[in-house]
Amino acid sequence: MYAIHYIGGAINVRKMPKAQAIEYAKQINDNPTGTFPESVKLAQSAEARDIMQNRLFAKDIYPRHSDVYSMSMAELVNTVNEYCC
C-alpha cells in the first residue's frame, strides 16, 4: 500500500504494509501539525501510479509522457519525492 502524504502543495510517497499505512494516515489526518495543511491518502498500486504520473505531468518534469509511463513504481516514487516539492 502507498501512503501519499500531501504537505501544502508538495507530496511525499511511501510504500509500507497496509496496517502501518493505515496507522500513519490516521496519525497525520487526525492530528494536523505545522503551518501547512497536511493529509495522507492511501492508495493501491494502480491508483498511486496514476496520482504520481499526473503530478509529474502537471509539473512538466519530463517532456515526453512515454518516459513517465515506462517508469517502475520505485522510479516513480523516487522521482515524485525528489521533484514534486
Protein backbone atom coordinates (compact mmCIF):
# COMPACT_ATOMS: atom_id res chain seq x y z
CA MET A 1 0.00 0.00 0.00
CA TYR A 2 1.21 3.51 -0.74
CA ALA A 3 0.78 6.42 1.64
CA ILE A 4 0.65 9.69 -0.29
CA HIS A 5 1.39 12.49 2.16
CA TYR A 6 0.25 15.90 0.97
CA ILE A 7 2.12 18.74 2.70
CA GLY A 8 0.97 22.12 1.46
CA GLY A 9 1.45 21.83 -2.31
CA ALA A 10 4.05 19.07 -2.15
CA ILE A 11 3.67 15.33 -1.90
CA ASN A 12 5.79 12.59 -0.39
CA VAL A 13 5.08 8.96 -1.30
CA ARG A 14 5.95 5.97 0.88
CA LYS A 15 5.38 2.27 0.35
CA MET A 16 4.50 0.42 3.54
CA PRO A 17 2.48 -2.51 4.86
CA LYS A 18 -1.27 -1.90 4.97
CA ALA A 19 -1.58 -1.84 8.79
CA GLN A 20 1.32 0.58 9.11
CA ALA A 21 -0.06 2.79 6.32
CA ILE A 22 -3.47 2.98 7.99
CA GLU A 23 -1.89 3.95 11.31
CA TYR A 24 0.32 6.55 9.61
CA ALA A 25 -2.67 8.08 7.78
CA LYS A 26 -4.74 8.15 10.96
CA GLN A 27 -1.92 9.84 12.88
CA ILE A 28 -1.44 12.59 10.28
CA ASN A 29 -5.09 13.12 9.36
CA ASP A 30 -6.32 13.21 12.98
CA ASN A 31 -3.53 15.39 14.37
CA PRO A 32 -2.63 18.19 11.96
CA THR A 33 0.58 19.99 12.90
CA GLY A 34 2.67 22.76 11.45
CA THR A 35 1.75 25.74 9.35
CA PHE A 36 0.95 23.84 6.15
CA PRO A 37 -2.20 21.78 5.60
CA GLU A 38 -1.40 18.07 5.71
CA SER A 39 -3.27 14.93 4.76
CA VAL A 40 -2.48 11.35 3.83
CA LYS A 41 -4.26 9.40 1.11
CA LEU A 42 -3.88 5.64 1.00
CA ALA A 43 -3.74 4.02 -2.43
CA GLN A 44 -3.10 0.68 -4.05
CA SER A 45 -0.50 0.42 -6.82
CA ALA A 46 -2.67 1.41 -9.79
CA GLU A 47 -4.18 4.46 -8.12
CA ALA A 48 -0.81 5.52 -6.68
CA ARG A 49 0.76 5.20 -10.15
CA ASP A 50 -1.95 7.46 -11.63
CA ILE A 51 -1.51 10.08 -8.90
CA MET A 52 2.27 10.15 -9.28
CA GLN A 53 2.16 10.23 -13.09
CA ASN A 54 -0.38 13.05 -13.07
CA ARG A 55 1.77 15.05 -10.63
CA LEU A 56 4.82 14.65 -12.87
CA PHE A 57 2.80 15.67 -15.94
CA ALA A 58 1.40 18.72 -14.13
CA LYS A 59 4.88 19.84 -13.05
CA ASP A 60 6.36 19.27 -16.56
CA ILE A 61 9.25 17.27 -15.09
CA TYR A 62 9.59 15.12 -18.23
CA PRO A 63 8.93 16.48 -21.72
CA ARG A 64 7.66 13.12 -23.03
CA HIS A 65 4.87 11.21 -21.34
CA SER A 66 6.35 7.94 -22.58
CA ASP A 67 9.30 8.47 -20.20
CA VAL A 68 6.90 8.60 -17.26
CA TYR A 69 4.71 5.73 -18.45
CA SER A 70 7.74 3.42 -18.69
CA MET A 71 8.94 4.06 -15.11
CA SER A 72 8.75 1.38 -12.44
CA MET A 73 6.90 2.14 -9.21
CA ALA A 74 10.21 2.61 -7.37
CA GLU A 75 11.38 5.10 -10.01
CA LEU A 76 8.08 6.98 -9.82
CA VAL A 77 8.26 7.21 -6.03
CA ASN A 78 11.86 8.46 -6.11
CA THR A 79 11.14 10.99 -8.86
CA VAL A 80 7.99 12.35 -7.21
CA ASN A 81 9.72 12.64 -3.84
CA GLU A 82 12.67 14.43 -5.42
CA TYR A 83 10.94 16.86 -7.79
CA CYS A 84 7.41 17.43 -6.54
CA CYS A 85 8.08 19.67 -3.57
